Amino acid sequence: MISDSDHPFFRPLWRRIAIVVFCACWAAFEFYNGNETWGWITLAIAAYAVWTFLIDFKQPKDASASETPAPESEDKT
């Protein structure tokens, strides 16, 4: 099954970390401004991002990389 986390955009680790950090900073900003409801919502989004992009993330297998060409057998007779 293909999910949105399988999109090629999320393959680099730095992008996945940036998304998690952004969500966590957004939650901190909401708590700082006294918006507890939005703070908890964005903190939940950050927790989901940690699970999806860091803990449970599996690099998709690249079809072209997994298919290695068979060595050609040459008869040198």
C-alpha atoms as a PDB file:
ATOM      1  CA  MET A   1       0.000   0.000   0.000  1.00  0.00           C
ATOM      2  CA  ILE A   2       1.324   3.406  -0.941  1.00  0.00           C
ATOM      3  CA  SER A   3       0.841   6.253   1.491  1.00  0.00           C
ATOM      4  CA  ASP A   4       1.721   9.908   1.315  1.00  0.00           C
ATOM      5  CA  SER A   5       4.918   9.274   3.284  1.00  0.00           C
ATOM      6  CA  ASP A   6       6.111   7.152   0.344  1.00  0.00           C
ATOM      7  CA  HIS A   7       6.246  10.228  -1.884  1.00  0.00           C
ATOM      8  CA  PRO A   8       9.755  10.922  -3.244  1.00  0.00           C
ATOM      9  CA  PHE A   9       9.697  14.346  -1.581  1.00  0.00           C
ATOM     10  CA  PHE A  10      10.103  12.692   1.838  1.00  0.00           C
ATOM     11  CA  ARG A  11      13.105  10.504   0.988  1.00  0.00           C
ATOM     12  CA  PRO A  12      15.817  12.892   2.258  1.00  0.00           C
ATOM     13  CA  LEU A  13      16.167  12.722   6.042  1.00  0.00           C
ATOM     14  CA  TRP A  14      16.702  16.473   6.397  1.00  0.00           C
ATOM     15  CA  ARG A  15      13.245  17.210   4.948  1.00  0.00           C
ATOM     16  CA  ARG A  16      11.545  14.829   7.348  1.00  0.00           C
ATOM     17  CA  ILE A  17      13.410  16.335  10.297  1.00  0.00           C
ATOM     18  CA  ALA A  18      12.557  19.861   9.101  1.00  0.00           C
ATOM     19  CA  ILE A  19       8.842  18.996   9.031  1.00  0.00           C
ATOM     20  CA  VAL A  20       8.983  17.623  12.585  1.00  0.00           C
ATOM     21  CA  VAL A  21      10.916  20.653  13.869  1.00  0.00           C
ATOM     22  CA  PHE A  22       8.542  23.050  12.130  1.00  0.00           C
ATOM     23  CA  CYS A  23       5.490  21.399  13.716  1.00  0.00           C
ATOM     24  CA  ALA A  24       7.111  21.393  17.159  1.00  0.00           C
ATOM     25  CA  CYS A  25       8.057  25.081  16.841  1.00  0.00           C
ATOM     26  CA  TRP A  26       4.547  25.911  15.699  1.00  0.00           C
ATOM     27  CA  ALA A  27       3.146  24.129  18.778  1.00  0.00           C
ATOM     28  CA  ALA A  28       5.544  26.050  21.048  1.00  0.00           C
ATOM     29  CA  PHE A  29       4.505  29.309  19.388  1.00  0.00           C
ATOM     30  CA  GLU A  30       0.823  28.544  19.985  1.00  0.00           C
ATOM     31  CA  PHE A  31       1.435  27.675  23.644  1.00  0.00           C
ATOM     32  CA  TYR A  32       3.540  30.827  24.078  1.00  0.00           C
ATOM     33  CA  ASN A  33       0.680  32.966  22.761  1.00  0.00           C
ATOM     34  CA  GLY A  34      -1.826  31.322  25.100  1.00  0.00           C
ATOM     35  CA  ASN A  35      -3.662  29.286  22.470  1.00  0.00           C
ATOM     36  CA  GLU A  36      -3.724  25.959  24.262  1.00  0.00           C
ATOM     37  CA  THR A  37      -6.206  24.310  21.905  1.00  0.00           C
ATOM     38  CA  TRP A  38      -4.095  25.019  18.825  1.00  0.00           C
ATOM     39  CA  GLY A  39      -0.974  24.181  20.799  1.00  0.00           C
ATOM     40  CA  TRP A  40      -2.275  20.692  21.576  1.00  0.00           C
ATOM     41  CA  ILE A  41      -3.471  20.201  18.006  1.00  0.00           C
ATOM     42  CA  THR A  42      -0.104  21.125  16.515  1.00  0.00           C
ATOM     43  CA  LEU A  43       1.711  19.101  19.170  1.00  0.00           C
ATOM     44  CA  ALA A  44      -0.359  16.092  18.111  1.00  0.00           C
ATOM     45  CA  ILE A  45       0.584  16.792  14.489  1.00  0.00           C
ATOM     46  CA  ALA A  46       4.257  16.946  15.515  1.00  0.00           C
ATOM     47  CA  ALA A  47       3.948  13.634  17.377  1.00  0.00           C
ATOM     48  CA  TYR A  48       2.306  12.041  14.342  1.00  0.00           C
ATOM     49  CA  ALA A  49       5.105  13.416  12.136  1.00  0.00           C
ATOM     50  CA  VAL A  50       7.733  11.928  14.460  1.00  0.00           C
ATOM     51  CA  TRP A  51       6.052   8.531  14.208  1.00  0.00           C
ATOM     52  CA  THR A  52       5.435   8.693  10.450  1.00  0.00           C
ATOM     53  CA  PHE A  53       8.671  10.276   9.242  1.00  0.00           C
ATOM     54  CA  LEU A  54      11.267   9.140  11.781  1.00  0.00           C
ATOM     55  CA  ILE A  55      10.204   6.016  13.654  1.00  0.00           C
ATOM     56  CA  ASP A  56       8.080   4.047  11.174  1.00  0.00           C
ATOM     57  CA  PHE A  57       9.552   5.436   7.925  1.00  0.00           C
ATOM     58  CA  LYS A  58      10.809   2.872   5.458  1.00  0.00           C
ATOM     59  CA  GLN A  59      12.753   3.971   2.426  1.00  0.00           C
ATOM     60  CA  PRO A  60      10.882   2.840  -0.680  1.00  0.00           C
ATOM     61  CA  LYS A  61      12.779   0.348  -2.743  1.00  0.00           C
ATOM     62  CA  ASP A  62      13.898   1.905  -5.982  1.00  0.00           C
ATOM     63  CA  ALA A  63      12.903  -0.416  -8.794  1.00  0.00           C
ATOM     64  CA  SER A  64      15.826   0.578 -11.000  1.00  0.00           C
ATOM     65  CA  ALA A  65      18.379   0.123  -8.202  1.00  0.00           C
ATOM     66  CA  SER A  66      17.104  -3.293  -7.157  1.00  0.00           C
ATOM     67  CA  GLU A  67      17.211  -4.709 -10.653  1.00  0.00           C
ATOM     68  CA  THR A  68      20.816  -5.521 -11.323  1.00  0.00           C
ATOM     69  CA  PRO A  69      21.604  -6.675 -14.803  1.00  0.00           C
ATOM     70  CA  ALA A  70      22.582 -10.296 -15.114  1.00  0.00           C
ATOM     71  CA  PRO A  71      26.209 -10.747 -16.056  1.00  0.00           C
ATOM     72  CA  GLU A  72      26.640 -11.703 -19.634  1.00  0.00           C
ATOM     73  CA  SER A  73      28.323 -15.015 -20.109  1.00  0.00           C
ATOM     74  CA  GLU A  74      30.781 -14.900 -22.929  1.00  0.00           C
ATOM     75  CA  ASP A  75      32.154 -18.002 -24.512  1.00  0.00           C
ATOM     76  CA  LYS A  76      35.790 -17.401 -25.193  1.00  0.00           C
ATOM     77  CA  THR A  77      36.426 -20.475 -27.260  1.00  0.00           C
END
